[in-house]
Amino acid sequence: MERTIGLGFDAFTASVLLRQGEADKIITAGGTERLALLKKIIGVERFEALSERVHVATRRCRDRLRSCKPKRTG
């Protein structure tokens, strides 16, 4: 399922339940539970992993730039 449609089991189950009339589950859920349900539906894990990779690459580039500045001024 994940390979075919790009959704993990939890995300698929949550989206199917919403389509079967259980949309009120999101409305009646508390803030934390609602956020977790929405994250499952959109498959946020992939975006979070991508975001982390971007932040790591940014830190590496920033560190490299900082190490190059003294060489430039010297």
PDB file of N, CA and C in Angstrom:
ATOM      1  N   MET A   1       0.837  -1.180   0.000  1.00  0.00           N
ATOM      2  CA  MET A   1       0.000   0.000   0.000  1.00  0.00           C
ATOM      3  C   MET A   1       0.888   1.253   0.000  1.00  0.00           C
ATOM      4  N   GLU A   2       1.914   1.231   0.839  1.00  0.00           N
ATOM      5  CA  GLU A   2       2.782   2.405   0.912  1.00  0.00           C
ATOM      6  C   GLU A   2       3.510   2.621  -0.403  1.00  0.00           C
ATOM      7  N   ARG A   3       3.947   1.548  -1.018  1.00  0.00           N
ATOM      8  CA  ARG A   3       4.660   1.656  -2.289  1.00  0.00           C
ATOM      9  C   ARG A   3       3.712   2.087  -3.410  1.00  0.00           C
ATOM     10  N   THR A   4       2.496   1.601  -3.377  1.00  0.00           N
ATOM     11  CA  THR A   4       1.543   1.874  -4.449  1.00  0.00           C
ATOM     12  C   THR A   4       0.946   3.268  -4.389  1.00  0.00           C
ATOM     13  N   ILE A   5       0.427   3.663  -3.244  1.00  0.00           N
ATOM     14  CA  ILE A   5      -0.257   4.963  -3.157  1.00  0.00           C
ATOM     15  C   ILE A   5       0.482   5.986  -2.299  1.00  0.00           C
ATOM     16  N   GLY A   6       1.592   5.585  -1.679  1.00  0.00           N
ATOM     17  CA  GLY A   6       2.394   6.537  -0.925  1.00  0.00           C
ATOM     18  C   GLY A   6       1.877   6.854   0.464  1.00  0.00           C
ATOM     19  N   LEU A   7       0.951   6.053   0.962  1.00  0.00           N
ATOM     20  CA  LEU A   7       0.441   6.256   2.326  1.00  0.00           C
ATOM     21  C   LEU A   7       0.757   5.027   3.163  1.00  0.00           C
ATOM     22  N   GLY A   8       1.197   5.270   4.387  1.00  0.00           N
ATOM     23  CA  GLY A   8       1.397   4.180   5.325  1.00  0.00           C
ATOM     24  C   GLY A   8       0.056   3.665   5.807  1.00  0.00           C
ATOM     25  N   PHE A   9       0.089   2.576   6.566  1.00  0.00           N
ATOM     26  CA  PHE A   9      -1.145   1.945   7.031  1.00  0.00           C
ATOM     27  C   PHE A   9      -2.010   2.911   7.835  1.00  0.00           C
ATOM     28  N   ASP A  10      -1.398   3.613   8.811  1.00  0.00           N
ATOM     29  CA  ASP A  10      -2.175   4.528   9.662  1.00  0.00           C
ATOM     30  C   ASP A  10      -2.808   5.656   8.861  1.00  0.00           C
ATOM     31  N   ALA A  11      -2.048   6.229   7.935  1.00  0.00           N
ATOM     32  CA  ALA A  11      -2.573   7.318   7.116  1.00  0.00           C
ATOM     33  C   ALA A  11      -3.705   6.820   6.230  1.00  0.00           C
ATOM     34  N   PHE A  12      -3.522   5.659   5.652  1.00  0.00           N
ATOM     35  CA  PHE A  12      -4.569   5.090   4.794  1.00  0.00           C
ATOM     36  C   PHE A  12      -5.833   4.828   5.593  1.00  0.00           C
ATOM     37  N   THR A  13      -5.683   4.206   6.761  1.00  0.00           N
ATOM     38  CA  THR A  13      -6.837   3.896   7.603  1.00  0.00           C
ATOM     39  C   THR A  13      -7.567   5.165   8.021  1.00  0.00           C
ATOM     40  N   ALA A  14      -6.818   6.168   8.433  1.00  0.00           N
ATOM     41  CA  ALA A  14      -7.443   7.428   8.864  1.00  0.00           C
ATOM     42  C   ALA A  14      -8.201   8.085   7.722  1.00  0.00           C
ATOM     43  N   SER A  15      -7.619   8.095   6.525  1.00  0.00           N
ATOM     44  CA  SER A  15      -8.292   8.740   5.399  1.00  0.00           C
ATOM     45  C   SER A  15      -9.526   7.961   4.968  1.00  0.00           C
ATOM     46  N   VAL A  16      -9.482   6.633   5.047  1.00  0.00           N
ATOM     47  CA  VAL A  16     -10.653   5.816   4.696  1.00  0.00           C
ATOM     48  C   VAL A  16     -11.764   6.044   5.710  1.00  0.00           C
ATOM     49  N   LEU A  17     -11.418   6.093   6.984  1.00  0.00           N
ATOM     50  CA  LEU A  17     -12.436   6.329   8.012  1.00  0.00           C
ATOM     51  C   LEU A  17     -13.112   7.675   7.810  1.00  0.00           C
ATOM     52  N   LEU A  18     -12.355   8.678   7.423  1.00  0.00           N
ATOM     53  CA  LEU A  18     -12.952   9.996   7.185  1.00  0.00           C
ATOM     54  C   LEU A  18     -13.949   9.937   6.047  1.00  0.00           C
ATOM     55  N   ARG A  19     -13.624   9.180   5.035  1.00  0.00           N
ATOM     56  CA  ARG A  19     -14.518   9.083   3.882  1.00  0.00           C
ATOM     57  C   ARG A  19     -15.773   8.279   4.208  1.00  0.00           C
ATOM     58  N   GLN A  20     -15.739   7.489   5.266  1.00  0.00           N
ATOM     59  CA  GLN A  20     -16.891   6.665   5.621  1.00  0.00           C
ATOM     60  C   GLN A  20     -17.748   7.318   6.703  1.00  0.00           C
ATOM     61  N   GLY A  21     -17.689   8.623   6.768  1.00  0.00           N
ATOM     62  CA  GLY A  21     -18.573   9.336   7.679  1.00  0.00           C
ATOM     63  C   GLY A  21     -18.034   9.563   9.069  1.00  0.00           C
ATOM     64  N   GLU A  22     -16.765   9.312   9.285  1.00  0.00           N
ATOM     65  CA  GLU A  22     -16.216   9.540  10.614  1.00  0.00           C
ATOM     66  C   GLU A  22     -15.392  10.823  10.665  1.00  0.00           C
ATOM     67  N   ALA A  23     -15.764  11.774   9.826  1.00  0.00           N
ATOM     68  CA  ALA A  23     -15.056  13.050   9.809  1.00  0.00           C
ATOM     69  C   ALA A  23     -15.204  13.783  11.132  1.00  0.00           C
ATOM     70  N   ASP A  24     -16.269  13.485  11.860  1.00  0.00           N
ATOM     71  CA  ASP A  24     -16.464  14.133  13.154  1.00  0.00           C
ATOM     72  C   ASP A  24     -15.382  13.737  14.150  1.00  0.00           C
ATOM     73  N   LYS A  25     -14.658  12.675  13.854  1.00  0.00           N
ATOM     74  CA  LYS A  25     -13.563  12.256  14.720  1.00  0.00           C
ATOM     75  C   LYS A  25     -12.521  13.371  14.837  1.00  0.00           C
ATOM     76  N   ILE A  26     -12.268  14.061  13.736  1.00  0.00           N
ATOM     77  CA  ILE A  26     -11.322  15.180  13.758  1.00  0.00           C
ATOM     78  C   ILE A  26     -11.907  16.350  14.534  1.00  0.00           C
ATOM     79  N   ILE A  27     -13.182  16.599  14.352  1.00  0.00           N
ATOM     80  CA  ILE A  27     -13.827  17.735  15.005  1.00  0.00           C
ATOM     81  C   ILE A  27     -13.904  17.531  16.513  1.00  0.00           C
ATOM     82  N   THR A  28     -14.239  16.317  16.945  1.00  0.00           N
ATOM     83  CA  THR A  28     -14.414  16.051  18.377  1.00  0.00           C
ATOM     84  C   THR A  28     -13.099  15.743  19.091  1.00  0.00           C
ATOM     85  N   ALA A  29     -12.042  15.493  18.341  1.00  0.00           N
ATOM     86  CA  ALA A  29     -10.755  15.169  18.963  1.00  0.00           C
ATOM     87  C   ALA A  29     -10.159  16.399  19.632  1.00  0.00           C
ATOM     88  N   GLY A  30      -9.363  16.152  20.645  1.00  0.00           N
ATOM     89  CA  GLY A  30      -8.640  17.239  21.303  1.00  0.00           C
ATOM     90  C   GLY A  30      -7.519  17.720  20.402  1.00  0.00           C
ATOM     91  N   GLY A  31      -6.865  18.791  20.784  1.00  0.00           N
ATOM     92  CA  GLY A  31      -5.831  19.399  19.950  1.00  0.00           C
ATOM     93  C   GLY A  31      -4.723  18.442  19.545  1.00  0.00           C
ATOM     94  N   THR A  32      -4.166  17.721  20.507  1.00  0.00           N
ATOM     95  CA  THR A  32      -3.065  16.807  20.223  1.00  0.00           C
ATOM     96  C   THR A  32      -3.522  15.647  19.347  1.00  0.00           C
ATOM     97  N   GLU A  33      -4.683  15.080  19.680  1.00  0.00           N
ATOM     98  CA  GLU A  33      -5.207  13.955  18.904  1.00  0.00           C
ATOM     99  C   GLU A  33      -5.573  14.395  17.484  1.00  0.00           C
ATOM    100  N   ARG A  34      -6.149  15.578  17.352  1.00  0.00           N
ATOM    101  CA  ARG A  34      -6.510  16.115  16.038  1.00  0.00           C
ATOM    102  C   ARG A  34      -5.263  16.291  15.173  1.00  0.00           C
ATOM    103  N   LEU A  35      -4.225  16.861  15.770  1.00  0.00           N
ATOM    104  CA  LEU A  35      -2.977  17.045  15.037  1.00  0.00           C
ATOM    105  C   LEU A  35      -2.410  15.703  14.591  1.00  0.00           C
ATOM    106  N   ALA A  36      -2.451  14.714  15.464  1.00  0.00           N
ATOM    107  CA  ALA A  36      -1.941  13.380  15.114  1.00  0.00           C
ATOM    108  C   ALA A  36      -2.741  12.775  13.963  1.00  0.00           C
ATOM    109  N   LEU A  37      -4.063  12.914  13.993  1.00  0.00           N
ATOM    110  CA  LEU A  37      -4.904  12.391  12.903  1.00  0.00           C
ATOM    111  C   LEU A  37      -4.584  13.078  11.580  1.00  0.00           C
ATOM    112  N   LEU A  38      -4.483  14.388  11.613  1.00  0.00           N
ATOM    113  CA  LEU A  38      -4.192  15.122  10.382  1.00  0.00           C
ATOM    114  C   LEU A  38      -2.804  14.769   9.847  1.00  0.00           C
ATOM    115  N   LYS A  39      -1.844  14.603  10.741  1.00  0.00           N
ATOM    116  CA  LYS A  39      -0.504  14.200  10.314  1.00  0.00           C
ATOM    117  C   LYS A  39      -0.524  12.839   9.641  1.00  0.00           C
ATOM    118  N   LYS A  40      -1.342  11.917  10.173  1.00  0.00           N
ATOM    119  CA  LYS A  40      -1.460  10.586   9.561  1.00  0.00           C
ATOM    120  C   LYS A  40      -2.053  10.690   8.155  1.00  0.00           C
ATOM    121  N   ILE A  41      -3.055  11.520   8.019  1.00  0.00           N
ATOM    122  CA  ILE A  41      -3.749  11.629   6.732  1.00  0.00           C
ATOM    123  C   ILE A  41      -2.824  12.169   5.649  1.00  0.00           C
ATOM    124  N   ILE A  42      -2.046  13.179   5.973  1.00  0.00           N
ATOM    125  CA  ILE A  42      -1.198  13.761   4.929  1.00  0.00           C
ATOM    126  C   ILE A  42       0.173  13.115   4.840  1.00  0.00           C
ATOM    127  N   GLY A  43       0.466  12.191   5.768  1.00  0.00           N
ATOM    128  CA  GLY A  43       1.757  11.521   5.720  1.00  0.00           C
ATOM    129  C   GLY A  43       2.907  12.472   6.004  1.00  0.00           C
ATOM    130  N   VAL A  44       2.782  13.221   7.064  1.00  0.00           N
ATOM    131  CA  VAL A  44       3.726  14.279   7.393  1.00  0.00           C
ATOM    132  C   VAL A  44       5.140  13.755   7.676  1.00  0.00           C
ATOM    133  N   GLU A  45       5.279  12.472   7.963  1.00  0.00           N
ATOM    134  CA  GLU A  45       6.597  11.925   8.290  1.00  0.00           C
ATOM    135  C   GLU A  45       7.605  12.202   7.182  1.00  0.00           C
ATOM    136  N   ARG A  46       7.173  12.061   5.953  1.00  0.00           N
ATOM    137  CA  ARG A  46       8.085  12.299   4.828  1.00  0.00           C
ATOM    138  C   ARG A  46       8.541  13.754   4.796  1.00  0.00           C
ATOM    139  N   PHE A  47       7.624  14.674   5.073  1.00  0.00           N
ATOM    140  CA  PHE A  47       7.964  16.091   5.064  1.00  0.00           C
ATOM    141  C   PHE A  47       8.864  16.448   6.244  1.00  0.00           C
ATOM    142  N   GLU A  48       8.603  15.825   7.394  1.00  0.00           N
ATOM    143  CA  GLU A  48       9.460  16.069   8.558  1.00  0.00           C
ATOM    144  C   GLU A  48      10.874  15.557   8.313  1.00  0.00           C
ATOM    145  N   ALA A  49      10.983  14.392   7.682  1.00  0.00           N
ATOM    146  CA  ALA A  49      12.312  13.843   7.365  1.00  0.00           C
ATOM    147  C   ALA A  49      13.042  14.747   6.378  1.00  0.00           C
ATOM    148  N   LEU A  50      12.333  15.227   5.375  1.00  0.00           N
ATOM    149  CA  LEU A  50      12.930  16.138   4.400  1.00  0.00           C
ATOM    150  C   LEU A  50      13.369  17.435   5.080  1.00  0.00           C
ATOM    151  N   SER A  51      12.535  17.961   5.952  1.00  0.00           N
ATOM    152  CA  SER A  51      12.863  19.183   6.675  1.00  0.00           C
ATOM    153  C   SER A  51      14.128  18.993   7.505  1.00  0.00           C
ATOM    154  N   GLU A  52      14.237  17.870   8.169  1.00  0.00           N
ATOM    155  CA  GLU A  52      15.429  17.600   8.980  1.00  0.00           C
ATOM    156  C   GLU A  52      16.678  17.534   8.108  1.00  0.00           C
ATOM    157  N   ARG A  53      16.580  16.896   6.948  1.00  0.00           N
ATOM    158  CA  ARG A  53      17.726  16.819   6.039  1.00  0.00           C
ATOM    159  C   ARG A  53      18.138  18.213   5.565  1.00  0.00           C
ATOM    160  N   VAL A  54      17.167  19.066   5.294  1.00  0.00           N
ATOM    161  CA  VAL A  54      17.460  20.438   4.863  1.00  0.00           C
ATOM    162  C   VAL A  54      18.171  21.198   5.979  1.00  0.00           C
ATOM    163  N   HIS A  55      17.685  21.044   7.213  1.00  0.00           N
ATOM    164  CA  HIS A  55      18.307  21.738   8.343  1.00  0.00           C
ATOM    165  C   HIS A  55      19.738  21.254   8.584  1.00  0.00           C
ATOM    166  N   VAL A  56      19.962  19.960   8.462  1.00  0.00           N
ATOM    167  CA  VAL A  56      21.309  19.415   8.639  1.00  0.00           C
ATOM    168  C   VAL A  56      22.238  19.964   7.563  1.00  0.00           C
ATOM    169  N   ALA A  57      21.785  19.969   6.315  1.00  0.00           N
ATOM    170  CA  ALA A  57      22.601  20.497   5.212  1.00  0.00           C
ATOM    171  C   ALA A  57      22.882  21.990   5.408  1.00  0.00           C
ATOM    172  N   THR A  58      21.894  22.725   5.892  1.00  0.00           N
ATOM    173  CA  THR A  58      22.076  24.160   6.141  1.00  0.00           C
ATOM    174  C   THR A  58      23.131  24.387   7.211  1.00  0.00           C
ATOM    175  N   ARG A  59      23.063  23.601   8.297  1.00  0.00           N
ATOM    176  CA  ARG A  59      24.068  23.734   9.356  1.00  0.00           C
ATOM    177  C   ARG A  59      25.461  23.427   8.838  1.00  0.00           C
ATOM    178  N   ARG A  60      25.580  22.389   8.011  1.00  0.00           N
ATOM    179  CA  ARG A  60      26.886  22.048   7.440  1.00  0.00           C
ATOM    180  C   ARG A  60      27.431  23.184   6.584  1.00  0.00           C
ATOM    181  N   CYS A  61      26.574  23.741   5.754  1.00  0.00           N
ATOM    182  CA  CYS A  61      26.995  24.852   4.890  1.00  0.00           C
ATOM    183  C   CYS A  61      27.382  26.072   5.713  1.00  0.00           C
ATOM    184  N   ARG A  62      26.620  26.373   6.746  1.00  0.00           N
ATOM    185  CA  ARG A  62      26.912  27.511   7.604  1.00  0.00           C
ATOM    186  C   ARG A  62      28.266  27.312   8.297  1.00  0.00           C
ATOM    187  N   ASP A  63      28.503  26.099   8.798  1.00  0.00           N
ATOM    188  CA  ASP A  63      29.786  25.809   9.448  1.00  0.00           C
ATOM    189  C   ASP A  63      30.946  25.926   8.463  1.00  0.00           C
ATOM    190  N   ARG A  64      30.726  25.442   7.282  1.00  0.00           N
ATOM    191  CA  ARG A  64      31.778  25.524   6.263  1.00  0.00           C
ATOM    192  C   ARG A  64      32.079  26.979   5.898  1.00  0.00           C
ATOM    193  N   LEU A  65      31.031  27.775   5.766  1.00  0.00           N
ATOM    194  CA  LEU A  65      31.204  29.198   5.475  1.00  0.00           C
ATOM    195  C   LEU A  65      31.987  29.889   6.590  1.00  0.00           C
ATOM    196  N   ARG A  66      31.635  29.590   7.834  1.00  0.00           N
ATOM    197  CA  ARG A  66      32.346  30.189   8.974  1.00  0.00           C
ATOM    198  C   ARG A  66      33.827  29.806   8.971  1.00  0.00           C
ATOM    199  N   SER A  67      34.133  28.581   8.599  1.00  0.00           N
ATOM    200  CA  SER A  67      35.535  28.157   8.580  1.00  0.00           C
ATOM    201  C   SER A  67      36.296  28.778   7.407  1.00  0.00           C
ATOM    202  N   CYS A  68      35.616  29.187   6.366  1.00  0.00           N
ATOM    203  CA  CYS A  68      36.257  29.801   5.210  1.00  0.00           C
ATOM    204  C   CYS A  68      36.525  31.300   5.408  1.00  0.00           C
ATOM    205  N   LYS A  69      35.732  31.955   6.216  1.00  0.00           N
ATOM    206  CA  LYS A  69      35.867  33.415   6.402  1.00  0.00           C
ATOM    207  C   LYS A  69      37.248  33.809   6.924  1.00  0.00           C
ATOM    208  N   PRO A  70      37.815  33.131   7.934  1.00  0.00           N
ATOM    209  CA  PRO A  70      39.165  33.530   8.389  1.00  0.00           C
ATOM    210  C   PRO A  70      40.224  33.347   7.296  1.00  0.00           C
ATOM    211  N   LYS A  71      40.060  32.345   6.478  1.00  0.00           N
ATOM    212  CA  LYS A  71      41.016  32.117   5.386  1.00  0.00           C
ATOM    213  C   LYS A  71      40.956  33.267   4.390  1.00  0.00           C
ATOM    214  N   ARG A  72      39.750  33.758   4.141  1.00  0.00           N
ATOM    215  CA  ARG A  72      39.566  34.848   3.190  1.00  0.00           C
ATOM    216  C   ARG A  72      40.200  36.134   3.689  1.00  0.00           C
ATOM    217  N   THR A  73      40.019  36.416   4.977  1.00  0.00           N
ATOM    218  CA  THR A  73      40.558  37.658   5.528  1.00  0.00           C
ATOM    219  C   THR A  73      42.064  37.584   5.746  1.00  0.00           C
ATOM    220  N   GLY A  74      42.613  36.354   5.802  1.00  0.00           N
ATOM    221  CA  GLY A  74      44.050  36.197   6.055  1.00  0.00           C
ATOM    222  C   GLY A  74      44.850  36.232   4.846  1.00  0.00           C
TER     223      GLY A  74
END
